[in-house]
Amino acid sequence: MAAELDPDPEGLEPDKASRLAEAIEQALALADGLVAIVRAEGGDDRVFSTQRACPNGHGSIPEMEPRLFSFNSPLGACSACDGLGTVQSYSEELLVCDASG
């Protein structure tokens, strides 16, 4: 299911915006949560999904939960710094006084 949109540089009028929203909701219902927005002037087509998954098959994300956004949770923490905001490391050159012996 595709919905064609010809974007107006001035923006959508309120009555057209509500009709567009209804068309997108209907397309999502008919296509099991997938909708493609096609620009009439030849721009890039965009595919959107309500299934928390990439419509192009690049993976999915779990259901949104507050712990996904918490640095204190392993699920939400940055994998590089473990949620601390800094990475601590050492330099071997500074640890060894005399590298020759």
N, C-alpha and C. Protein backbone atom coordinates (compact mmCIF):
# COMPACT_ATOMS: atom_id res chain seq x y z
N MET A 1 0.86 -1.17 0.00
CA MET A 1 0.00 0.00 0.00
C MET A 1 0.91 1.22 0.00
N ALA A 2 0.62 2.18 -0.82
CA ALA A 2 1.42 3.40 -0.88
C ALA A 2 0.51 4.61 -0.79
N ALA A 3 0.99 5.64 -0.15
CA ALA A 3 0.28 6.91 -0.09
C ALA A 3 1.15 7.93 -0.81
N GLU A 4 0.58 8.61 -1.81
CA GLU A 4 1.33 9.62 -2.54
C GLU A 4 1.17 10.97 -1.87
N LEU A 5 2.27 11.66 -1.72
CA LEU A 5 2.28 12.96 -1.06
C LEU A 5 3.04 13.94 -1.93
N ASP A 6 2.41 15.05 -2.25
CA ASP A 6 3.06 16.13 -2.97
C ASP A 6 3.26 17.25 -1.97
N PRO A 7 4.45 17.33 -1.34
CA PRO A 7 4.64 18.30 -0.27
C PRO A 7 4.57 19.74 -0.77
N ASP A 8 3.86 20.55 -0.04
CA ASP A 8 3.72 21.97 -0.32
C ASP A 8 4.78 22.70 0.49
N PRO A 9 5.61 23.54 -0.13
CA PRO A 9 6.65 24.24 0.63
C PRO A 9 6.09 25.09 1.77
N GLU A 10 4.86 25.53 1.64
CA GLU A 10 4.23 26.34 2.68
C GLU A 10 3.67 25.48 3.81
N GLY A 11 3.64 24.17 3.63
CA GLY A 11 3.07 23.27 4.64
C GLY A 11 1.66 22.86 4.25
N LEU A 12 1.14 21.88 4.94
CA LEU A 12 -0.20 21.38 4.65
C LEU A 12 -1.26 22.23 5.34
N GLU A 13 -2.36 22.41 4.63
CA GLU A 13 -3.50 23.07 5.26
C GLU A 13 -4.10 22.11 6.26
N PRO A 14 -4.74 22.60 7.34
CA PRO A 14 -5.27 21.71 8.38
C PRO A 14 -6.21 20.63 7.85
N ASP A 15 -7.09 20.95 6.90
CA ASP A 15 -8.01 19.92 6.39
C ASP A 15 -7.27 18.87 5.57
N LYS A 16 -6.23 19.27 4.84
CA LYS A 16 -5.44 18.31 4.06
C LYS A 16 -4.58 17.45 4.98
N ALA A 17 -4.08 18.02 6.06
CA ALA A 17 -3.26 17.26 7.00
C ALA A 17 -4.07 16.14 7.65
N SER A 18 -5.31 16.42 8.02
CA SER A 18 -6.13 15.39 8.64
C SER A 18 -6.48 14.30 7.62
N ARG A 19 -6.71 14.67 6.37
CA ARG A 19 -7.00 13.66 5.33
C ARG A 19 -5.76 12.81 5.07
N LEU A 20 -4.59 13.43 5.10
CA LEU A 20 -3.36 12.68 4.91
C LEU A 20 -3.15 11.70 6.06
N ALA A 21 -3.39 12.14 7.28
CA ALA A 21 -3.25 11.26 8.44
C ALA A 21 -4.20 10.08 8.34
N GLU A 22 -5.42 10.32 7.92
CA GLU A 22 -6.39 9.23 7.75
C GLU A 22 -5.94 8.25 6.68
N ALA A 23 -5.38 8.76 5.58
CA ALA A 23 -4.90 7.89 4.51
C ALA A 23 -3.74 7.02 4.98
N ILE A 24 -2.84 7.61 5.76
CA ILE A 24 -1.70 6.85 6.27
C ILE A 24 -2.16 5.79 7.26
N GLU A 25 -3.10 6.13 8.14
CA GLU A 25 -3.63 5.15 9.08
C GLU A 25 -4.31 4.01 8.36
N GLN A 26 -5.06 4.31 7.30
CA GLN A 26 -5.73 3.25 6.53
C GLN A 26 -4.69 2.37 5.82
N ALA A 27 -3.65 2.98 5.26
CA ALA A 27 -2.61 2.21 4.59
C ALA A 27 -1.90 1.29 5.59
N LEU A 28 -1.62 1.78 6.79
CA LEU A 28 -0.98 0.96 7.82
C LEU A 28 -1.86 -0.22 8.20
N ALA A 29 -3.17 0.01 8.30
CA ALA A 29 -4.09 -1.08 8.66
C ALA A 29 -4.17 -2.12 7.56
N LEU A 30 -4.18 -1.71 6.31
CA LEU A 30 -4.30 -2.64 5.19
C LEU A 30 -3.01 -3.41 4.92
N ALA A 31 -1.88 -2.83 5.23
CA ALA A 31 -0.60 -3.43 4.88
C ALA A 31 0.15 -3.97 6.10
N ASP A 32 -0.56 -4.32 7.16
CA ASP A 32 0.05 -4.92 8.35
C ASP A 32 1.19 -4.07 8.92
N GLY A 33 0.96 -2.76 9.00
CA GLY A 33 1.92 -1.89 9.67
C GLY A 33 3.01 -1.32 8.80
N LEU A 34 2.93 -1.47 7.48
CA LEU A 34 3.92 -0.90 6.57
C LEU A 34 3.25 0.13 5.67
N VAL A 35 3.92 1.25 5.45
CA VAL A 35 3.41 2.25 4.53
C VAL A 35 4.59 2.87 3.80
N ALA A 36 4.39 3.13 2.51
CA ALA A 36 5.41 3.79 1.70
C ALA A 36 4.89 5.17 1.32
N ILE A 37 5.71 6.17 1.55
CA ILE A 37 5.37 7.54 1.16
C ILE A 37 6.15 7.84 -0.11
N VAL A 38 5.43 8.16 -1.17
CA VAL A 38 6.02 8.40 -2.47
C VAL A 38 5.89 9.88 -2.80
N ARG A 39 7.00 10.53 -3.03
CA ARG A 39 6.97 11.95 -3.39
C ARG A 39 6.64 12.08 -4.87
N ALA A 40 5.62 12.87 -5.17
CA ALA A 40 5.13 13.02 -6.55
C ALA A 40 6.17 13.67 -7.45
N GLU A 41 7.05 14.50 -6.89
CA GLU A 41 8.01 15.21 -7.72
C GLU A 41 9.28 14.41 -7.98
N GLY A 42 9.27 13.13 -7.67
CA GLY A 42 10.40 12.26 -8.00
C GLY A 42 11.46 12.16 -6.93
N GLY A 43 11.15 12.52 -5.72
CA GLY A 43 12.11 12.39 -4.63
C GLY A 43 12.22 10.93 -4.18
N ASP A 44 12.96 10.71 -3.12
CA ASP A 44 13.13 9.36 -2.59
C ASP A 44 11.83 8.86 -1.96
N ASP A 45 11.52 7.59 -2.21
CA ASP A 45 10.41 6.93 -1.53
C ASP A 45 10.87 6.57 -0.13
N ARG A 46 9.97 6.67 0.84
CA ARG A 46 10.29 6.32 2.23
C ARG A 46 9.31 5.26 2.69
N VAL A 47 9.81 4.21 3.32
CA VAL A 47 8.97 3.14 3.85
C VAL A 47 9.02 3.23 5.37
N PHE A 48 7.86 3.19 6.02
CA PHE A 48 7.75 3.28 7.46
C PHE A 48 7.04 2.04 8.00
N SER A 49 7.39 1.64 9.21
CA SER A 49 6.82 0.45 9.83
C SER A 49 6.39 0.77 11.26
N THR A 50 5.29 0.17 11.68
CA THR A 50 4.86 0.28 13.08
C THR A 50 5.25 -0.96 13.87
N GLN A 51 6.01 -1.84 13.27
CA GLN A 51 6.35 -3.13 13.88
C GLN A 51 7.68 -3.11 14.64
N ARG A 52 8.25 -1.95 14.90
CA ARG A 52 9.54 -1.83 15.59
C ARG A 52 10.62 -2.65 14.88
N ALA A 53 10.54 -2.66 13.55
CA ALA A 53 11.51 -3.38 12.75
C ALA A 53 11.80 -2.58 11.49
N CYS A 54 12.99 -2.71 10.99
CA CYS A 54 13.37 -2.04 9.76
C CYS A 54 12.59 -2.68 8.62
N PRO A 55 11.88 -1.89 7.82
CA PRO A 55 11.12 -2.47 6.71
C PRO A 55 12.01 -3.06 5.63
N ASN A 56 13.31 -2.75 5.65
CA ASN A 56 14.24 -3.29 4.66
C ASN A 56 14.99 -4.52 5.18
N GLY A 57 14.60 -5.03 6.35
CA GLY A 57 15.20 -6.25 6.88
C GLY A 57 16.50 -6.05 7.63
N HIS A 58 16.77 -4.86 8.15
CA HIS A 58 18.01 -4.60 8.86
C HIS A 58 17.92 -4.82 10.36
N GLY A 59 16.93 -5.54 10.83
CA GLY A 59 16.84 -5.85 12.25
C GLY A 59 15.63 -5.21 12.91
N SER A 60 15.49 -5.50 14.18
CA SER A 60 14.36 -4.97 14.93
C SER A 60 14.85 -4.52 16.30
N ILE A 61 13.99 -3.80 17.00
CA ILE A 61 14.31 -3.35 18.35
C ILE A 61 13.25 -3.89 19.30
N PRO A 62 13.60 -4.09 20.55
CA PRO A 62 12.61 -4.59 21.50
C PRO A 62 11.57 -3.51 21.81
N GLU A 63 10.51 -3.92 22.49
CA GLU A 63 9.49 -2.96 22.89
C GLU A 63 10.13 -1.89 23.78
N MET A 64 9.73 -0.64 23.56
CA MET A 64 10.33 0.47 24.30
C MET A 64 10.00 0.38 25.78
N GLU A 65 11.03 0.46 26.60
CA GLU A 65 10.91 0.44 28.05
C GLU A 65 11.86 1.50 28.61
N PRO A 66 11.55 2.06 29.78
CA PRO A 66 12.43 3.07 30.36
C PRO A 66 13.87 2.58 30.56
N ARG A 67 14.05 1.31 30.86
CA ARG A 67 15.41 0.82 31.13
C ARG A 67 16.30 0.84 29.88
N LEU A 68 15.70 0.90 28.69
CA LEU A 68 16.50 1.01 27.47
C LEU A 68 17.20 2.36 27.38
N PHE A 69 16.71 3.36 28.11
CA PHE A 69 17.27 4.70 28.05
C PHE A 69 18.07 5.05 29.31
N SER A 70 18.28 4.10 30.20
CA SER A 70 18.97 4.35 31.46
C SER A 70 20.43 3.92 31.36
N PHE A 71 21.33 4.82 31.72
CA PHE A 71 22.75 4.46 31.69
C PHE A 71 23.08 3.45 32.78
N ASN A 72 22.22 3.30 33.80
CA ASN A 72 22.46 2.35 34.89
C ASN A 72 22.08 0.93 34.52
N SER A 73 21.39 0.75 33.42
CA SER A 73 20.96 -0.57 32.98
C SER A 73 21.89 -1.07 31.88
N PRO A 74 22.27 -2.34 31.91
CA PRO A 74 23.11 -2.87 30.83
C PRO A 74 22.44 -2.75 29.46
N LEU A 75 21.10 -2.75 29.42
CA LEU A 75 20.40 -2.63 28.14
C LEU A 75 20.51 -1.23 27.56
N GLY A 76 20.57 -0.20 28.42
CA GLY A 76 20.61 1.17 27.93
C GLY A 76 21.99 1.79 27.96
N ALA A 77 22.93 1.12 28.58
CA ALA A 77 24.28 1.69 28.72
C ALA A 77 25.04 1.63 27.40
N CYS A 78 25.86 2.62 27.20
CA CYS A 78 26.76 2.64 26.04
C CYS A 78 27.74 1.47 26.16
N SER A 79 27.93 0.74 25.09
CA SER A 79 28.83 -0.42 25.15
C SER A 79 30.30 -0.01 25.23
N ALA A 80 30.62 1.21 24.80
CA ALA A 80 32.02 1.65 24.83
C ALA A 80 32.44 2.09 26.23
N CYS A 81 31.55 2.77 26.96
CA CYS A 81 31.94 3.29 28.28
C CYS A 81 31.15 2.66 29.43
N ASP A 82 30.31 1.69 29.14
CA ASP A 82 29.48 1.01 30.14
C ASP A 82 28.57 1.98 30.90
N GLY A 83 28.18 3.06 30.24
CA GLY A 83 27.26 4.01 30.85
C GLY A 83 27.90 5.04 31.74
N LEU A 84 29.23 5.07 31.82
CA LEU A 84 29.93 6.00 32.70
C LEU A 84 30.22 7.34 32.04
N GLY A 85 30.23 7.39 30.74
CA GLY A 85 30.49 8.64 30.04
C GLY A 85 31.95 8.90 29.75
N THR A 86 32.82 8.09 30.30
CA THR A 86 34.26 8.21 30.03
C THR A 86 34.84 6.82 29.86
N VAL A 87 35.95 6.76 29.17
CA VAL A 87 36.66 5.49 28.99
C VAL A 87 38.02 5.65 29.63
N GLN A 88 38.31 4.79 30.59
CA GLN A 88 39.61 4.84 31.27
C GLN A 88 40.53 3.81 30.65
N SER A 89 41.71 4.24 30.30
CA SER A 89 42.70 3.33 29.73
C SER A 89 44.08 3.75 30.21
N TYR A 90 45.07 2.99 29.87
CA TYR A 90 46.43 3.29 30.27
C TYR A 90 47.33 3.24 29.05
N SER A 91 48.47 3.85 29.18
CA SER A 91 49.47 3.86 28.13
C SER A 91 50.68 3.08 28.62
N GLU A 92 51.07 2.07 27.88
CA GLU A 92 52.21 1.25 28.29
C GLU A 92 53.50 2.07 28.35
N GLU A 93 53.63 3.09 27.50
CA GLU A 93 54.83 3.92 27.50
C GLU A 93 55.00 4.65 28.83
N LEU A 94 53.89 5.01 29.45
CA LEU A 94 53.96 5.72 30.72
C LEU A 94 54.19 4.79 31.90
N LEU A 95 53.90 3.51 31.77
CA LEU A 95 54.07 2.55 32.84
C LEU A 95 55.49 2.02 32.94
N VAL A 96 56.16 1.87 31.81
CA VAL A 96 57.50 1.31 31.77
C VAL A 96 58.51 2.44 31.79
N CYS A 97 59.37 2.48 32.81
CA CYS A 97 60.35 3.57 32.93
C CYS A 97 61.45 3.43 31.88
N ASP A 98 62.02 2.21 31.75
CA ASP A 98 63.12 1.99 30.81
C ASP A 98 62.73 0.84 29.91
N ALA A 99 62.39 1.12 28.68
CA ALA A 99 61.91 0.09 27.76
C ALA A 99 63.05 -0.82 27.28
N SER A 100 64.31 -0.45 27.47
CA SER A 100 65.44 -1.26 26.98
C SER A 100 65.79 -2.41 27.91
N GLY A 101 65.37 -2.36 29.13
CA GLY A 101 65.90 -3.37 30.01
C GLY A 101 64.94 -4.13 30.74
